[in-house]
Amino acid sequence: MTTMTIDPAVSAAATTASRPTLTARRTTSPKTAALIAGVGYVLLFALAIFANFLVLESMVVTDDPSATFDNIASSTGLFRLGLVAFLAVFVIDIAVAWALHVVFRDHDPDLSLLAAWARLGYTVFLGVAVMEFFEVLHIVDDPTRVATLGRAQAELQVTAALESFDALWLIGLVAFGLHLVLLGSMIIRTGLGSRLMGVIVAIAGVTYVIDTIANAAMPNYEAYSGAFLAMVAIPSMIGEGWVGLWLLSKARSNKPSTPLPTQQPTGA
């Protein structure tokens, strides 16, 4: 009986050819991902404004734990809506991180992956920070706990939980700032969007990092908090709003995008 010998190289080539390629396995196109990210940006803007400014800013009174406690206790329904909004932001940010990676992965795969990881790092801190909202509700909604602790101690615990929320979120914003710097760099490098948009987004990312460092390093940060807020908010709202609109327009566009050419290895 004659034994047939199969060339290992031929066998490997046949096996590789029979496997679906990475492109064939992809189920989400950059156009669809742009739509998901664009809608996500719109939702994030609305939810963040509601949760941060209409809920937190309206209830928290600086240096007045008693007033803060009373505001939350008298509007627990609104506070719970703020909690739900932050939870929605947490989930949507995960989807946006993935969708932006899909939009840019054919053009700048390494940078798009790093940008996605940076945004996810921020999202983790946000998720942990939101846990403090539950702690606030557990105190405010439990008269027995308030009676056991005493009103003054309950107020201090609520204030401590809210301050912990701020600190965790602030640390996460460093990762978010890095994400924006990387996103702006990708927009500039790939030419998929306006170069000016990429520059503004990158500047917004830098301001997030500067603001967190200043908050940690400056003992009199509160005296300049308004200036720092403007420094962060202006480029962030312009840049991220522009990105959201660009993503939605990209999702509607029929113009195909051409990936950047990959460098072929040179032979010896």
Protein backbone atom coordinates (compact mmCIF):
# COMPACT_ATOMS: atom_id res chain seq x y z
CA MET A 1 0.00 0.00 0.00
CA THR A 2 1.35 3.44 -0.96
CA THR A 3 1.22 6.12 1.72
CA MET A 4 0.48 9.63 0.49
CA THR A 5 2.63 12.33 2.06
CA ILE A 6 1.08 15.79 2.31
CA ASP A 7 3.36 18.79 2.19
CA PRO A 8 2.89 20.68 5.52
CA ALA A 9 3.10 24.02 3.72
CA VAL A 10 0.31 23.01 1.32
CA SER A 11 -1.81 21.77 4.24
CA ALA A 12 -1.31 25.03 6.16
CA ALA A 13 -2.20 27.09 3.11
CA ALA A 14 -5.35 25.07 2.54
CA THR A 15 -6.39 25.44 6.17
CA THR A 16 -5.82 29.19 6.07
CA ALA A 17 -7.79 29.52 2.85
CA SER A 18 -10.72 27.62 4.34
CA ARG A 19 -10.96 29.94 7.32
CA PRO A 20 -13.07 33.08 7.03
CA THR A 21 -10.94 36.19 6.93
CA LEU A 22 -11.18 38.89 9.59
CA THR A 23 -13.04 41.09 7.11
CA ALA A 24 -15.49 38.32 6.32
CA ARG A 25 -16.25 37.77 10.00
CA ARG A 26 -17.05 41.40 10.66
CA THR A 27 -20.74 42.03 11.10
CA THR A 28 -20.66 45.77 11.78
CA SER A 29 -19.65 48.22 9.08
CA PRO A 30 -17.94 51.53 9.88
CA LYS A 31 -21.05 53.29 8.58
CA THR A 32 -23.29 51.46 11.06
CA ALA A 33 -20.77 52.04 13.83
CA ALA A 34 -20.72 55.76 13.00
CA LEU A 35 -24.49 55.85 13.40
CA ILE A 36 -24.29 54.08 16.77
CA ALA A 37 -21.54 56.40 18.00
CA GLY A 38 -23.33 59.49 16.69
CA VAL A 39 -26.62 58.60 18.38
CA GLY A 40 -24.63 57.70 21.49
CA TYR A 41 -23.03 61.16 21.54
CA VAL A 42 -26.43 62.84 21.33
CA LEU A 43 -27.78 60.72 24.20
CA LEU A 44 -24.65 61.30 26.30
CA PHE A 45 -24.98 65.07 25.93
CA ALA A 46 -28.62 65.05 27.01
CA LEU A 47 -28.16 62.58 29.88
CA ALA A 48 -24.98 64.19 31.23
CA ILE A 49 -26.50 67.67 31.23
CA PHE A 50 -29.59 66.38 33.06
CA ALA A 51 -27.72 64.28 35.63
CA ASN A 52 -24.91 66.70 36.36
CA PHE A 53 -26.49 70.12 36.08
CA LEU A 54 -30.23 69.62 36.63
CA VAL A 55 -29.83 67.08 39.42
CA LEU A 56 -26.45 67.35 41.18
CA GLU A 57 -25.88 71.08 40.74
CA SER A 58 -29.43 71.86 41.86
CA MET A 59 -29.17 69.76 45.04
CA VAL A 60 -25.61 70.03 46.28
CA VAL A 61 -24.92 73.20 48.28
CA THR A 62 -21.21 73.78 48.81
CA ASP A 63 -20.17 73.86 52.47
CA ASP A 64 -23.74 73.26 53.63
CA PRO A 65 -24.32 69.52 54.36
CA SER A 66 -27.68 70.23 55.98
CA ALA A 67 -29.10 72.01 52.94
CA THR A 68 -27.74 69.31 50.65
CA PHE A 69 -29.34 66.59 52.79
CA ASP A 70 -32.69 68.40 52.82
CA ASN A 71 -32.61 68.97 49.04
CA ILE A 72 -32.02 65.29 48.33
CA ALA A 73 -34.50 64.09 50.98
CA SER A 74 -37.25 66.32 49.56
CA SER A 75 -36.54 65.29 45.93
CA THR A 76 -35.51 61.65 46.07
CA GLY A 77 -37.46 60.96 42.89
CA LEU A 78 -35.37 63.47 40.96
CA PHE A 79 -32.19 62.15 42.58
CA ARG A 80 -33.11 58.61 41.48
CA LEU A 81 -33.65 59.86 37.93
CA GLY A 82 -30.18 61.37 38.06
CA LEU A 83 -28.84 58.00 39.18
CA VAL A 84 -30.59 56.26 36.27
CA ALA A 85 -29.18 58.88 33.88
CA PHE A 86 -25.63 58.25 35.11
CA LEU A 87 -26.16 54.49 34.75
CA ALA A 88 -27.33 55.07 31.17
CA VAL A 89 -24.22 57.16 30.50
CA PHE A 90 -22.12 54.30 31.87
CA VAL A 91 -23.64 51.79 29.43
CA ILE A 92 -23.75 54.13 26.42
CA ASP A 93 -20.08 55.06 26.88
CA ILE A 94 -19.15 51.38 26.50
CA ALA A 95 -21.07 51.23 23.21
CA VAL A 96 -19.51 54.48 21.97
CA ALA A 97 -15.98 53.26 22.80
CA TRP A 98 -16.59 50.13 20.74
CA ALA A 99 -18.29 51.97 17.87
CA LEU A 100 -15.49 54.53 17.53
CA HIS A 101 -13.00 51.67 17.40
CA VAL A 102 -14.97 50.14 14.50
CA VAL A 103 -15.06 53.50 12.68
CA PHE A 104 -11.27 53.92 12.82
CA ARG A 105 -9.92 50.35 12.99
CA ASP A 106 -9.34 50.00 9.23
CA HIS A 107 -7.42 53.27 9.21
CA ASP A 108 -5.47 53.27 12.47
CA PRO A 109 -6.02 49.94 14.27
CA ASP A 110 -3.50 50.35 17.09
CA LEU A 111 -4.49 53.89 18.01
CA SER A 112 -8.22 53.15 17.75
CA LEU A 113 -7.83 50.21 20.13
CA LEU A 114 -5.87 52.32 22.62
CA ALA A 115 -8.48 55.09 22.39
CA ALA A 116 -11.24 52.56 23.09
CA TRP A 117 -9.39 51.20 26.12
CA ALA A 118 -8.85 54.73 27.44
CA ARG A 119 -12.57 55.50 27.20
CA LEU A 120 -13.40 52.20 28.88
CA GLY A 121 -10.97 53.08 31.68
CA TYR A 122 -12.93 56.28 32.26
CA THR A 123 -16.20 54.35 32.13
CA VAL A 124 -15.03 51.97 34.87
CA PHE A 125 -14.35 54.89 37.20
CA LEU A 126 -17.75 56.39 36.39
CA GLY A 127 -19.44 53.09 37.22
CA VAL A 128 -17.65 52.88 40.56
CA ALA A 129 -18.45 56.53 41.29
CA VAL A 130 -22.17 56.02 40.68
CA MET A 131 -22.19 53.45 43.48
CA GLU A 132 -21.94 56.43 45.84
CA PHE A 133 -25.40 57.54 44.70
CA PHE A 134 -26.80 54.29 46.07
CA GLU A 135 -25.08 54.99 49.39
CA VAL A 136 -26.68 58.43 49.53
CA LEU A 137 -30.12 56.94 48.91
CA HIS A 138 -29.57 54.24 51.53
CA ILE A 139 -28.95 56.97 54.12
CA VAL A 140 -31.60 59.49 53.07
CA ASP A 141 -34.37 56.92 52.52
CA ASP A 142 -33.84 55.12 55.83
CA PRO A 143 -35.23 57.07 58.82
CA THR A 144 -33.99 54.38 61.19
CA ARG A 145 -30.44 54.78 59.94
CA VAL A 146 -30.67 58.56 60.22
CA ALA A 147 -32.00 58.24 63.77
CA THR A 148 -29.26 55.78 64.72
CA LEU A 149 -26.48 57.89 63.24
CA GLY A 150 -27.91 61.20 64.27
CA ARG A 151 -28.85 63.92 61.83
CA ALA A 152 -25.44 65.60 61.85
CA GLN A 153 -23.56 62.35 61.21
CA ALA A 154 -26.01 61.35 58.45
CA GLU A 155 -25.44 64.70 56.75
CA LEU A 156 -21.68 64.20 56.91
CA GLN A 157 -21.94 60.70 55.42
CA VAL A 158 -24.07 61.98 52.54
CA THR A 159 -21.55 64.76 51.90
CA ALA A 160 -18.66 62.27 52.05
CA ALA A 161 -20.40 59.98 49.52
CA LEU A 162 -20.98 62.87 47.11
CA GLU A 163 -17.38 64.02 47.47
CA SER A 164 -16.21 60.46 46.80
CA PHE A 165 -18.37 60.47 43.65
CA ASP A 166 -16.70 63.67 42.49
CA ALA A 167 -13.19 62.36 43.21
CA LEU A 168 -13.70 59.06 41.39
CA TRP A 169 -15.25 60.77 38.39
CA LEU A 170 -12.46 63.34 38.35
CA ILE A 171 -9.80 60.60 38.24
CA GLY A 172 -11.69 58.87 35.44
CA LEU A 173 -11.68 62.09 33.44
CA VAL A 174 -7.89 61.77 33.09
CA ALA A 175 -8.49 58.59 31.07
CA PHE A 176 -11.28 60.34 29.19
CA GLY A 177 -8.93 63.20 28.38
CA LEU A 178 -6.42 60.70 27.01
CA HIS A 179 -9.20 59.19 24.90
CA LEU A 180 -10.02 62.59 23.41
CA VAL A 181 -6.34 63.29 22.64
CA LEU A 182 -6.10 59.94 20.84
CA LEU A 183 -9.43 60.50 19.05
CA GLY A 184 -8.32 63.92 17.86
CA SER A 185 -5.01 62.46 16.70
CA MET A 186 -6.81 59.76 14.72
CA ILE A 187 -9.08 62.30 13.05
CA ILE A 188 -6.02 64.32 12.00
CA ARG A 189 -3.90 61.30 10.96
CA THR A 190 -6.58 59.51 8.95
CA GLY A 191 -8.15 62.55 7.32
CA LEU A 192 -11.62 61.07 7.90
CA GLY A 193 -12.85 64.31 9.42
CA SER A 194 -11.91 67.96 9.59
CA ARG A 195 -8.39 68.60 10.81
CA LEU A 196 -9.68 71.54 12.88
CA MET A 197 -12.21 69.23 14.54
CA GLY A 198 -9.40 66.86 15.48
CA VAL A 199 -7.33 69.69 16.95
CA ILE A 200 -10.22 70.97 19.07
CA VAL A 201 -11.01 67.47 20.34
CA ALA A 202 -7.36 66.92 21.28
CA ILE A 203 -7.26 70.30 23.07
CA ALA A 204 -10.39 69.32 24.99
CA GLY A 205 -8.64 66.14 26.11
CA VAL A 206 -5.64 68.09 27.37
CA THR A 207 -7.88 70.45 29.35
CA TYR A 208 -9.53 67.51 31.15
CA VAL A 209 -6.12 66.30 32.29
CA ILE A 210 -5.01 69.80 33.32
CA ASP A 211 -8.20 70.34 35.31
CA THR A 212 -7.77 67.11 37.28
CA ILE A 213 -4.12 67.84 38.02
CA ALA A 214 -4.99 71.39 39.11
CA ASN A 215 -7.76 70.07 41.35
CA ALA A 216 -5.29 67.76 43.06
CA ALA A 217 -2.32 70.13 43.21
CA MET A 218 -3.89 73.52 43.98
CA PRO A 219 -5.13 74.04 47.56
CA ASN A 220 -7.09 77.09 46.37
CA TYR A 221 -8.59 75.36 43.31
CA GLU A 222 -12.14 76.40 44.26
CA ALA A 223 -11.20 80.05 43.82
CA TYR A 224 -10.47 79.35 40.15
CA SER A 225 -13.00 76.58 39.54
CA GLY A 226 -15.12 78.79 37.27
CA ALA A 227 -12.16 79.50 35.00
CA PHE A 228 -11.20 75.83 34.88
CA LEU A 229 -14.80 74.85 34.09
CA ALA A 230 -14.85 77.25 31.15
CA MET A 231 -11.44 76.00 30.01
CA VAL A 232 -12.79 72.44 29.87
CA ALA A 233 -16.37 73.07 28.76
CA ILE A 234 -15.76 75.30 25.73
CA PRO A 235 -13.45 73.04 23.67
CA SER A 236 -15.25 69.93 24.93
CA MET A 237 -18.72 71.06 23.87
CA ILE A 238 -17.49 72.38 20.52
CA GLY A 239 -15.22 69.42 19.74
CA GLU A 240 -17.42 66.58 20.96
CA GLY A 241 -20.56 68.17 19.55
CA TRP A 242 -18.79 68.47 16.20
CA VAL A 243 -17.70 64.82 16.38
CA GLY A 244 -21.27 63.72 17.10
CA LEU A 245 -22.62 65.63 14.10
CA TRP A 246 -19.76 64.36 11.92
CA LEU A 247 -20.48 60.76 12.90
CA LEU A 248 -24.17 61.15 12.05
CA SER A 249 -23.33 62.72 8.68
CA LYS A 250 -20.78 59.96 8.03
CA ALA A 251 -23.48 57.36 8.72
CA ARG A 252 -25.68 58.96 6.05
CA SER A 253 -22.89 59.42 3.51
CA ASN A 254 -22.55 57.00 0.59
CA LYS A 255 -18.92 57.94 0.04
CA PRO A 256 -16.66 54.93 0.73
CA SER A 257 -13.67 55.45 2.99
CA THR A 258 -10.28 54.18 1.92
CA PRO A 259 -8.08 52.69 4.65
CA LEU A 260 -4.56 53.96 4.99
CA PRO A 261 -2.08 51.81 3.07
CA THR A 262 -0.33 49.22 5.20
CA GLN A 263 3.41 48.94 5.06
CA GLN A 264 4.52 45.71 3.40
CA PRO A 265 7.44 43.86 4.98
CA THR A 266 10.63 44.02 2.94
CA GLY A 267 12.45 40.88 1.98
CA ALA A 268 15.91 40.07 3.15
